[in-house]
Every structure is written in C-alpha cells, then in structure tokens.
Amino acid sequence: MEQAYDSMGWLALRKVLVYFYFSSKFLDLLLNCVLDPKFCILINGKKSDWIEAKSGFR
C-alpha cells in the first residue's frame, strides 16, 4: 500500500532543485536522466538493445 508521502512528482522535484539554487544546467541534466531514462548494457563489448526504465521517483 502506497501512502501520499511515499512518492514525489517530477514537478515537485524540479521545484525543490530550483528552491535550493541548483544551476539550470545541472537541473536539466538531472531531469533528463530521470524523466525518460533508457539504458544500454555492454556484454562482451557488444551493446544490448535499449532498455526503458518503468519505475517512478521514490
């Protein structure tokens, strides 16, 4: 069971970062990493297909 204080929306994360005066360049970099993350794994030097993350921010 999830409670209201167990998770945070992306807009709230952005507002917290702005509130603590993170630079806009860092803010954009961080949000690009968490808003639509895709990963590729190297196995014996060969790239796998892209894996899309499905989990939320907690």
PDB file of N, CA and C in Angstrom:
ATOM      1  N   MET A   1       0.848  -1.172   0.000  1.00  0.00           N
ATOM      2  CA  MET A   1       0.000   0.000   0.000  1.00  0.00           C
ATOM      3  C   MET A   1       0.899   1.241   0.000  1.00  0.00           C
ATOM      4  N   GLU A   2       0.616   2.141  -0.901  1.00  0.00           N
ATOM      5  CA  GLU A   2       1.401   3.366  -1.004  1.00  0.00           C
ATOM      6  C   GLU A   2       0.653   4.512  -0.327  1.00  0.00           C
ATOM      7  N   GLN A   3       1.389   5.305   0.412  1.00  0.00           N
ATOM      8  CA  GLN A   3       0.794   6.458   1.064  1.00  0.00           C
ATOM      9  C   GLN A   3       1.248   7.727   0.361  1.00  0.00           C
ATOM     10  N   ALA A   4       0.554   8.808   0.592  1.00  0.00           N
ATOM     11  CA  ALA A   4       0.816  10.066  -0.120  1.00  0.00           C
ATOM     12  C   ALA A   4       2.244  10.555   0.062  1.00  0.00           C
ATOM     13  N   TYR A   5       2.846  10.359   1.204  1.00  0.00           N
ATOM     14  CA  TYR A   5       4.196  10.873   1.444  1.00  0.00           C
ATOM     15  C   TYR A   5       5.291   9.913   0.982  1.00  0.00           C
ATOM     16  N   ASP A   6       4.923   8.773   0.377  1.00  0.00           N
ATOM     17  CA  ASP A   6       5.909   7.793  -0.090  1.00  0.00           C
ATOM     18  C   ASP A   6       6.510   8.137  -1.448  1.00  0.00           C
ATOM     19  N   SER A   7       5.911   9.022  -2.182  1.00  0.00           N
ATOM     20  CA  SER A   7       6.430   9.348  -3.507  1.00  0.00           C
ATOM     21  C   SER A   7       6.313  10.846  -3.763  1.00  0.00           C
ATOM     22  N   MET A   8       6.981  11.278  -4.815  1.00  0.00           N
ATOM     23  CA  MET A   8       7.028  12.697  -5.143  1.00  0.00           C
ATOM     24  C   MET A   8       6.889  12.836  -6.657  1.00  0.00           C
ATOM     25  N   GLY A   9       6.164  13.835  -7.112  1.00  0.00           N
ATOM     26  CA  GLY A   9       6.015  14.065  -8.541  1.00  0.00           C
ATOM     27  C   GLY A   9       7.232  14.763  -9.124  1.00  0.00           C
ATOM     28  N   TRP A  10       7.377  14.672 -10.453  1.00  0.00           N
ATOM     29  CA  TRP A  10       8.521  15.291 -11.128  1.00  0.00           C
ATOM     30  C   TRP A  10       8.503  16.807 -10.984  1.00  0.00           C
ATOM     31  N   LEU A  11       7.339  17.407 -10.999  1.00  0.00           N
ATOM     32  CA  LEU A  11       7.248  18.855 -10.827  1.00  0.00           C
ATOM     33  C   LEU A  11       7.748  19.262  -9.435  1.00  0.00           C
ATOM     34  N   ALA A  12       7.423  18.465  -8.436  1.00  0.00           N
ATOM     35  CA  ALA A  12       7.890  18.747  -7.075  1.00  0.00           C
ATOM     36  C   ALA A  12       9.420  18.642  -7.000  1.00  0.00           C
ATOM     37  N   LEU A  13       9.998  17.654  -7.679  1.00  0.00           N
ATOM     38  CA  LEU A  13      11.453  17.528  -7.710  1.00  0.00           C
ATOM     39  C   LEU A  13      12.086  18.761  -8.339  1.00  0.00           C
ATOM     40  N   ARG A  14      11.532  19.214  -9.446  1.00  0.00           N
ATOM     41  CA  ARG A  14      12.040  20.421 -10.110  1.00  0.00           C
ATOM     42  C   ARG A  14      11.972  21.628  -9.172  1.00  0.00           C
ATOM     43  N   LYS A  15      10.857  21.782  -8.476  1.00  0.00           N
ATOM     44  CA  LYS A  15      10.697  22.918  -7.565  1.00  0.00           C
ATOM     45  C   LYS A  15      11.697  22.866  -6.412  1.00  0.00           C
ATOM     46  N   VAL A  16      11.972  21.669  -5.910  1.00  0.00           N
ATOM     47  CA  VAL A  16      12.954  21.531  -4.822  1.00  0.00           C
ATOM     48  C   VAL A  16      14.341  21.925  -5.321  1.00  0.00           C
ATOM     49  N   LEU A  17      14.707  21.483  -6.508  1.00  0.00           N
ATOM     50  CA  LEU A  17      16.020  21.814  -7.060  1.00  0.00           C
ATOM     51  C   LEU A  17      16.152  23.316  -7.300  1.00  0.00           C
ATOM     52  N   VAL A  18      15.099  23.939  -7.804  1.00  0.00           N
ATOM     53  CA  VAL A  18      15.115  25.389  -8.022  1.00  0.00           C
ATOM     54  C   VAL A  18      15.203  26.118  -6.680  1.00  0.00           C
ATOM     55  N   TYR A  19      14.453  25.642  -5.688  1.00  0.00           N
ATOM     56  CA  TYR A  19      14.448  26.258  -4.359  1.00  0.00           C
ATOM     57  C   TYR A  19      15.849  26.283  -3.746  1.00  0.00           C
ATOM     58  N   PHE A  20      16.621  25.199  -3.963  1.00  0.00           N
ATOM     59  CA  PHE A  20      17.964  25.115  -3.397  1.00  0.00           C
ATOM     60  C   PHE A  20      19.031  25.664  -4.341  1.00  0.00           C
ATOM     61  N   TYR A  21      18.613  26.425  -5.342  1.00  0.00           N
ATOM     62  CA  TYR A  21      19.504  27.171  -6.246  1.00  0.00           C
ATOM     63  C   TYR A  21      20.485  26.295  -7.034  1.00  0.00           C
ATOM     64  N   PHE A  22      20.039  25.102  -7.444  1.00  0.00           N
ATOM     65  CA  PHE A  22      20.863  24.314  -8.356  1.00  0.00           C
ATOM     66  C   PHE A  22      20.901  25.041  -9.690  1.00  0.00           C
ATOM     67  N   SER A  23      22.033  24.956 -10.372  1.00  0.00           N
ATOM     68  CA  SER A  23      22.150  25.639 -11.662  1.00  0.00           C
ATOM     69  C   SER A  23      21.190  25.013 -12.673  1.00  0.00           C
ATOM     70  N   SER A  24      20.759  25.812 -13.631  1.00  0.00           N
ATOM     71  CA  SER A  24      19.814  25.315 -14.632  1.00  0.00           C
ATOM     72  C   SER A  24      20.442  24.213 -15.473  1.00  0.00           C
ATOM     73  N   LYS A  25      21.748  24.291 -15.693  1.00  0.00           N
ATOM     74  CA  LYS A  25      22.433  23.253 -16.468  1.00  0.00           C
ATOM     75  C   LYS A  25      22.380  21.911 -15.727  1.00  0.00           C
ATOM     76  N   PHE A  26      22.659  21.935 -14.419  1.00  0.00           N
ATOM     77  CA  PHE A  26      22.602  20.718 -13.615  1.00  0.00           C
ATOM     78  C   PHE A  26      21.169  20.207 -13.526  1.00  0.00           C
ATOM     79  N   LEU A  27      20.223  21.109 -13.331  1.00  0.00           N
ATOM     80  CA  LEU A  27      18.816  20.744 -13.225  1.00  0.00           C
ATOM     81  C   LEU A  27      18.349  20.034 -14.493  1.00  0.00           C
ATOM     82  N   ASP A  28      18.696  20.573 -15.657  1.00  0.00           N
ATOM     83  CA  ASP A  28      18.320  19.948 -16.933  1.00  0.00           C
ATOM     84  C   ASP A  28      18.969  18.581 -17.087  1.00  0.00           C
ATOM     85  N   LEU A  29      20.244  18.476 -16.726  1.00  0.00           N
ATOM     86  CA  LEU A  29      20.955  17.205 -16.827  1.00  0.00           C
ATOM     87  C   LEU A  29      20.309  16.145 -15.939  1.00  0.00           C
ATOM     88  N   LEU A  30      20.041  16.498 -14.703  1.00  0.00           N
ATOM     89  CA  LEU A  30      19.445  15.557 -13.760  1.00  0.00           C
ATOM     90  C   LEU A  30      18.057  15.120 -14.213  1.00  0.00           C
ATOM     91  N   LEU A  31      17.225  16.068 -14.610  1.00  0.00           N
ATOM     92  CA  LEU A  31      15.869  15.724 -15.018  1.00  0.00           C
ATOM     93  C   LEU A  31      15.854  14.905 -16.305  1.00  0.00           C
ATOM     94  N   ASN A  32      16.804  15.144 -17.203  1.00  0.00           N
ATOM     95  CA  ASN A  32      16.894  14.312 -18.400  1.00  0.00           C
ATOM     96  C   ASN A  32      17.226  12.869 -18.041  1.00  0.00           C
ATOM     97  N   CYS A  33      17.983  12.688 -16.988  1.00  0.00           N
ATOM     98  CA  CYS A  33      18.350  11.338 -16.557  1.00  0.00           C
ATOM     99  C   CYS A  33      17.197  10.597 -15.894  1.00  0.00           C
ATOM    100  N   VAL A  34      16.290  11.318 -15.252  1.00  0.00           N
ATOM    101  CA  VAL A  34      15.220  10.643 -14.508  1.00  0.00           C
ATOM    102  C   VAL A  34      13.857  10.679 -15.181  1.00  0.00           C
ATOM    103  N   LEU A  35      13.611  11.620 -16.081  1.00  0.00           N
ATOM    104  CA  LEU A  35      12.287  11.715 -16.688  1.00  0.00           C
ATOM    105  C   LEU A  35      12.034  10.643 -17.745  1.00  0.00           C
ATOM    106  N   ASP A  36      13.014  10.336 -18.552  1.00  0.00           N
ATOM    107  CA  ASP A  36      12.835   9.341 -19.604  1.00  0.00           C
ATOM    108  C   ASP A  36      14.099   8.495 -19.735  1.00  0.00           C
ATOM    109  N   PRO A  37      14.427   7.739 -18.670  1.00  0.00           N
ATOM    110  CA  PRO A  37      15.694   7.008 -18.689  1.00  0.00           C
ATOM    111  C   PRO A  37      15.662   5.799 -19.619  1.00  0.00           C
ATOM    112  N   LYS A  38      16.735   5.649 -20.370  1.00  0.00           N
ATOM    113  CA  LYS A  38      16.942   4.491 -21.228  1.00  0.00           C
ATOM    114  C   LYS A  38      18.374   4.021 -20.992  1.00  0.00           C
ATOM    115  N   PHE A  39      18.550   2.720 -20.960  1.00  0.00           N
ATOM    116  CA  PHE A  39      19.850   2.150 -20.665  1.00  0.00           C
ATOM    117  C   PHE A  39      20.251   1.170 -21.746  1.00  0.00           C
ATOM    118  N   CYS A  40      21.542   1.042 -21.935  1.00  0.00           N
ATOM    119  CA  CYS A  40      22.118   0.066 -22.850  1.00  0.00           C
ATOM    120  C   CYS A  40      23.241  -0.626 -22.091  1.00  0.00           C
ATOM    121  N   ILE A  41      23.281  -1.951 -22.157  1.00  0.00           N
ATOM    122  CA  ILE A  41      24.271  -2.715 -21.413  1.00  0.00           C
ATOM    123  C   ILE A  41      25.310  -3.271 -22.384  1.00  0.00           C
ATOM    124  N   LEU A  42      26.575  -3.183 -21.991  1.00  0.00           N
ATOM    125  CA  LEU A  42      27.647  -3.784 -22.782  1.00  0.00           C
ATOM    126  C   LEU A  42      27.903  -5.200 -22.273  1.00  0.00           C
ATOM    127  N   ILE A  43      27.792  -6.166 -23.162  1.00  0.00           N
ATOM    128  CA  ILE A  43      28.066  -7.561 -22.828  1.00  0.00           C
ATOM    129  C   ILE A  43      29.141  -8.054 -23.789  1.00  0.00           C
ATOM    130  N   ASN A  44      30.313  -8.336 -23.259  1.00  0.00           N
ATOM    131  CA  ASN A  44      31.464  -8.740 -24.066  1.00  0.00           C
ATOM    132  C   ASN A  44      31.751  -7.737 -25.180  1.00  0.00           C
ATOM    133  N   GLY A  45      31.605  -6.443 -24.863  1.00  0.00           N
ATOM    134  CA  GLY A  45      31.901  -5.391 -25.824  1.00  0.00           C
ATOM    135  C   GLY A  45      30.799  -5.114 -26.826  1.00  0.00           C
ATOM    136  N   LYS A  46      29.685  -5.832 -26.738  1.00  0.00           N
ATOM    137  CA  LYS A  46      28.579  -5.636 -27.672  1.00  0.00           C
ATOM    138  C   LYS A  46      27.399  -4.993 -26.940  1.00  0.00           C
ATOM    139  N   LYS A  47      26.824  -3.954 -27.547  1.00  0.00           N
ATOM    140  CA  LYS A  47      25.703  -3.247 -26.925  1.00  0.00           C
ATOM    141  C   LYS A  47      24.419  -4.056 -27.029  1.00  0.00           C
ATOM    142  N   SER A  48      23.641  -4.026 -25.940  1.00  0.00           N
ATOM    143  CA  SER A  48      22.316  -4.650 -25.951  1.00  0.00           C
ATOM    144  C   SER A  48      21.310  -3.686 -26.560  1.00  0.00           C
ATOM    145  N   ASP A  49      20.084  -4.139 -26.723  1.00  0.00           N
ATOM    146  CA  ASP A  49      19.006  -3.245 -27.133  1.00  0.00           C
ATOM    147  C   ASP A  49      18.751  -2.254 -25.996  1.00  0.00           C
ATOM    148  N   TRP A  50      18.095  -1.137 -26.322  1.00  0.00           N
ATOM    149  CA  TRP A  50      17.779  -0.136 -25.303  1.00  0.00           C
ATOM    150  C   TRP A  50      16.738  -0.684 -24.346  1.00  0.00           C
ATOM    151  N   ILE A  51      16.939  -0.422 -23.065  1.00  0.00           N
ATOM    152  CA  ILE A  51      16.013  -0.824 -22.014  1.00  0.00           C
ATOM    153  C   ILE A  51      15.399   0.443 -21.443  1.00  0.00           C
ATOM    154  N   GLU A  52      14.080   0.520 -21.453  1.00  0.00           N
ATOM    155  CA  GLU A  52      13.402   1.693 -20.895  1.00  0.00           C
ATOM    156  C   GLU A  52      13.014   1.427 -19.454  1.00  0.00           C
ATOM    157  N   ALA A  53      13.398   2.330 -18.566  1.00  0.00           N
ATOM    158  CA  ALA A  53      13.058   2.205 -17.147  1.00  0.00           C
ATOM    159  C   ALA A  53      11.585   2.534 -16.955  1.00  0.00           C
ATOM    160  N   LYS A  54      10.933   1.795 -16.097  1.00  0.00           N
ATOM    161  CA  LYS A  54       9.491   1.983 -15.868  1.00  0.00           C
ATOM    162  C   LYS A  54       9.162   2.411 -14.455  1.00  0.00           C
ATOM    163  N   SER A  55      10.147   2.525 -13.585  1.00  0.00           N
ATOM    164  CA  SER A  55       9.899   2.842 -12.192  1.00  0.00           C
ATOM    165  C   SER A  55       9.733   4.345 -11.989  1.00  0.00           C
ATOM    166  N   GLY A  56       9.058   4.740 -10.935  1.00  0.00           N
ATOM    167  CA  GLY A  56       8.881   6.141 -10.620  1.00  0.00           C
ATOM    168  C   GLY A  56       9.892   6.636  -9.610  1.00  0.00           C
ATOM    169  N   PHE A  57       9.842   7.889  -9.303  1.00  0.00           N
ATOM    170  CA  PHE A  57      10.731   8.524  -8.315  1.00  0.00           C
ATOM    171  C   PHE A  57      10.175   8.281  -6.934  1.00  0.00           C
ATOM    172  N   ARG A  58      11.006   7.763  -6.028  1.00  0.00           N
ATOM    173  CA  ARG A  58      10.555   7.481  -4.666  1.00  0.00           C
ATOM    174  C   ARG A  58      11.574   8.006  -3.688  1.00  0.00           C
TER     175      ARG A  58
END
